[in-house]
Structures are given as C-alpha cells and as structure tokens.
N, C-alpha and C. Protein backbone atom coordinates (compact mmCIF):
# COMPACT_ATOMS: atom_id res chain seq x y z
N MET A 1 88.10 4.22 -242.61
CA MET A 1 89.48 4.51 -242.88
C MET A 1 90.18 4.90 -241.59
N THR A 2 91.42 4.56 -241.49
CA THR A 2 92.22 4.83 -240.30
C THR A 2 92.61 6.30 -240.23
N GLN A 3 92.67 6.81 -239.03
CA GLN A 3 93.10 8.19 -238.83
C GLN A 3 94.61 8.27 -239.02
N VAL A 4 95.07 9.23 -239.79
CA VAL A 4 96.49 9.43 -240.06
C VAL A 4 96.91 10.74 -239.42
N ARG A 5 97.98 10.68 -238.63
CA ARG A 5 98.51 11.89 -237.99
C ARG A 5 99.78 12.31 -238.71
N VAL A 6 99.94 13.61 -238.92
CA VAL A 6 101.12 14.17 -239.58
C VAL A 6 101.79 15.10 -238.59
N ARG A 7 103.11 15.03 -238.51
CA ARG A 7 103.84 15.95 -237.63
C ARG A 7 105.18 16.31 -238.25
N LYS A 8 105.70 17.44 -237.81
CA LYS A 8 106.99 17.92 -238.30
C LYS A 8 108.06 17.57 -237.28
N ARG A 9 109.12 16.96 -237.77
CA ARG A 9 110.24 16.58 -236.90
C ARG A 9 111.50 17.21 -237.48
N GLY A 10 111.92 18.33 -236.91
CA GLY A 10 113.07 19.03 -237.44
C GLY A 10 112.71 19.68 -238.77
N LYS A 11 113.44 19.31 -239.84
CA LYS A 11 113.17 19.87 -241.17
C LYS A 11 112.32 18.95 -242.02
N THR A 12 111.94 17.79 -241.51
CA THR A 12 111.16 16.84 -242.30
C THR A 12 109.82 16.55 -241.64
N PHE A 13 108.93 15.97 -242.42
CA PHE A 13 107.61 15.60 -241.93
C PHE A 13 107.51 14.08 -241.84
N SER A 14 106.61 13.62 -240.98
CA SER A 14 106.35 12.18 -240.88
C SER A 14 104.86 11.96 -240.71
N TYR A 15 104.42 10.74 -241.05
CA TYR A 15 103.02 10.39 -240.82
C TYR A 15 102.95 9.10 -240.04
N ILE A 16 101.88 8.96 -239.24
CA ILE A 16 101.72 7.83 -238.32
C ILE A 16 100.29 7.33 -238.45
N PHE A 17 100.13 6.00 -238.50
CA PHE A 17 98.78 5.44 -238.46
C PHE A 17 98.80 4.10 -237.74
N GLU A 18 97.63 3.71 -237.26
CA GLU A 18 97.50 2.46 -236.52
C GLU A 18 97.18 1.35 -237.52
N ALA A 19 98.03 0.32 -237.59
CA ALA A 19 97.87 -0.76 -238.55
C ALA A 19 96.91 -1.84 -238.07
N GLY A 20 96.75 -1.99 -236.77
CA GLY A 20 95.85 -3.01 -236.24
C GLY A 20 96.36 -3.46 -234.88
N LYS A 21 95.77 -4.56 -234.40
CA LYS A 21 96.19 -5.09 -233.11
C LYS A 21 96.87 -6.43 -233.30
N VAL A 22 97.98 -6.60 -232.58
CA VAL A 22 98.74 -7.85 -232.59
C VAL A 22 98.89 -8.29 -231.15
N ASP A 23 98.37 -9.45 -230.81
CA ASP A 23 98.43 -9.97 -229.44
C ASP A 23 97.88 -8.98 -228.41
N GLY A 24 96.82 -8.26 -228.80
CA GLY A 24 96.19 -7.32 -227.87
C GLY A 24 96.89 -5.98 -227.77
N GLN A 25 97.97 -5.77 -228.51
CA GLN A 25 98.67 -4.49 -228.48
C GLN A 25 98.51 -3.80 -229.83
N ARG A 26 98.45 -2.46 -229.79
CA ARG A 26 98.29 -1.71 -231.03
C ARG A 26 99.59 -1.73 -231.82
N LYS A 27 99.48 -1.91 -233.12
CA LYS A 27 100.63 -1.86 -234.03
C LYS A 27 100.58 -0.52 -234.74
N VAL A 28 101.58 0.32 -234.52
CA VAL A 28 101.63 1.66 -235.09
C VAL A 28 102.74 1.71 -236.13
N VAL A 29 102.43 2.30 -237.28
CA VAL A 29 103.40 2.44 -238.36
C VAL A 29 103.73 3.91 -238.52
N GLU A 30 105.02 4.23 -238.55
CA GLU A 30 105.46 5.61 -238.74
C GLU A 30 106.46 5.65 -239.89
N LYS A 31 106.21 6.52 -240.85
CA LYS A 31 107.12 6.74 -241.97
C LYS A 31 107.54 8.20 -241.93
N SER A 32 108.83 8.44 -242.13
CA SER A 32 109.31 9.81 -242.00
C SER A 32 110.31 10.16 -243.09
N ALA A 33 110.91 11.33 -242.96
CA ALA A 33 111.93 11.86 -243.86
C ALA A 33 111.34 12.40 -245.15
N TYR A 34 110.13 12.95 -245.11
CA TYR A 34 109.54 13.61 -246.26
C TYR A 34 109.78 15.11 -246.12
N PRO A 35 110.39 15.75 -247.11
CA PRO A 35 110.76 17.15 -246.97
C PRO A 35 109.59 18.13 -247.04
N LYS A 36 108.48 17.73 -247.67
CA LYS A 36 107.37 18.65 -247.84
C LYS A 36 106.06 18.04 -247.36
N LEU A 37 105.23 18.86 -246.74
CA LEU A 37 103.94 18.42 -246.23
C LEU A 37 103.03 18.00 -247.38
N LYS A 38 103.08 18.70 -248.50
CA LYS A 38 102.22 18.39 -249.64
C LYS A 38 102.47 16.98 -250.15
N LEU A 39 103.71 16.53 -250.13
CA LEU A 39 104.05 15.18 -250.57
C LEU A 39 103.38 14.13 -249.69
N ILE A 40 103.35 14.34 -248.40
CA ILE A 40 102.70 13.41 -247.47
C ILE A 40 101.19 13.39 -247.72
N LEU A 41 100.59 14.54 -247.94
CA LEU A 41 99.15 14.58 -248.16
C LEU A 41 98.77 13.82 -249.42
N TYR A 42 99.55 13.95 -250.50
CA TYR A 42 99.30 13.18 -251.71
C TYR A 42 99.47 11.68 -251.45
N LEU A 43 100.47 11.32 -250.67
CA LEU A 43 100.71 9.92 -250.35
C LEU A 43 99.56 9.32 -249.55
N ILE A 44 99.04 10.06 -248.59
CA ILE A 44 97.91 9.59 -247.78
C ILE A 44 96.68 9.38 -248.65
N ILE A 45 96.42 10.31 -249.56
CA ILE A 45 95.27 10.16 -250.46
C ILE A 45 95.46 8.93 -251.35
N TYR A 46 96.67 8.73 -251.88
CA TYR A 46 96.94 7.58 -252.73
C TYR A 46 96.76 6.27 -251.97
N LEU A 47 97.28 6.19 -250.75
CA LEU A 47 97.15 4.97 -249.96
C LEU A 47 95.70 4.68 -249.63
N GLY A 48 94.91 5.71 -249.35
CA GLY A 48 93.49 5.53 -249.06
C GLY A 48 92.75 4.97 -250.26
N GLU A 49 93.04 5.50 -251.46
CA GLU A 49 92.39 5.01 -252.67
C GLU A 49 92.87 3.60 -253.00
N PHE A 50 94.13 3.30 -252.75
CA PHE A 50 94.67 1.98 -253.02
C PHE A 50 94.01 0.93 -252.12
N ASN A 51 93.85 1.24 -250.84
CA ASN A 51 93.24 0.29 -249.90
C ASN A 51 91.79 0.03 -250.22
N GLU A 52 91.08 1.01 -250.78
CA GLU A 52 89.69 0.81 -251.15
C GLU A 52 89.57 -0.14 -252.34
N CYS A 53 90.58 -0.16 -253.21
CA CYS A 53 90.54 -1.02 -254.40
C CYS A 53 90.91 -2.46 -254.08
N VAL A 54 91.66 -2.68 -253.03
CA VAL A 54 92.15 -4.03 -252.71
C VAL A 54 91.11 -4.82 -251.98
C-alpha cells in the first residue's frame, strides 16, 4: 500500500500520496479542504479497502 501523508494547511487538512510514475517522473495526488482530521483518516481507510477489492 502507498504511504499517505496528512498535513494541516490553515484551517483545513489535506492528504497526499504517490499515484505512480509517468514518463519517469513521480505522479503525486493531493486532495485538500477537509475540515477535520478524522474525516481524512476514515477516507484513507476506505480507499485502502476499496483498492484491495479491485
């Protein structure tokens, strides 16, 4: 599973993960504007379980 980083930016939280390599460069995905850290943690767990099923 990919390492997911969480950080606080102002009043909101964001998460960042590496999606893969494209033309030898890393592709990084960042999603932000989540008001609570707990919401991001639930989302990360859900995405991890979803990717295992696919």
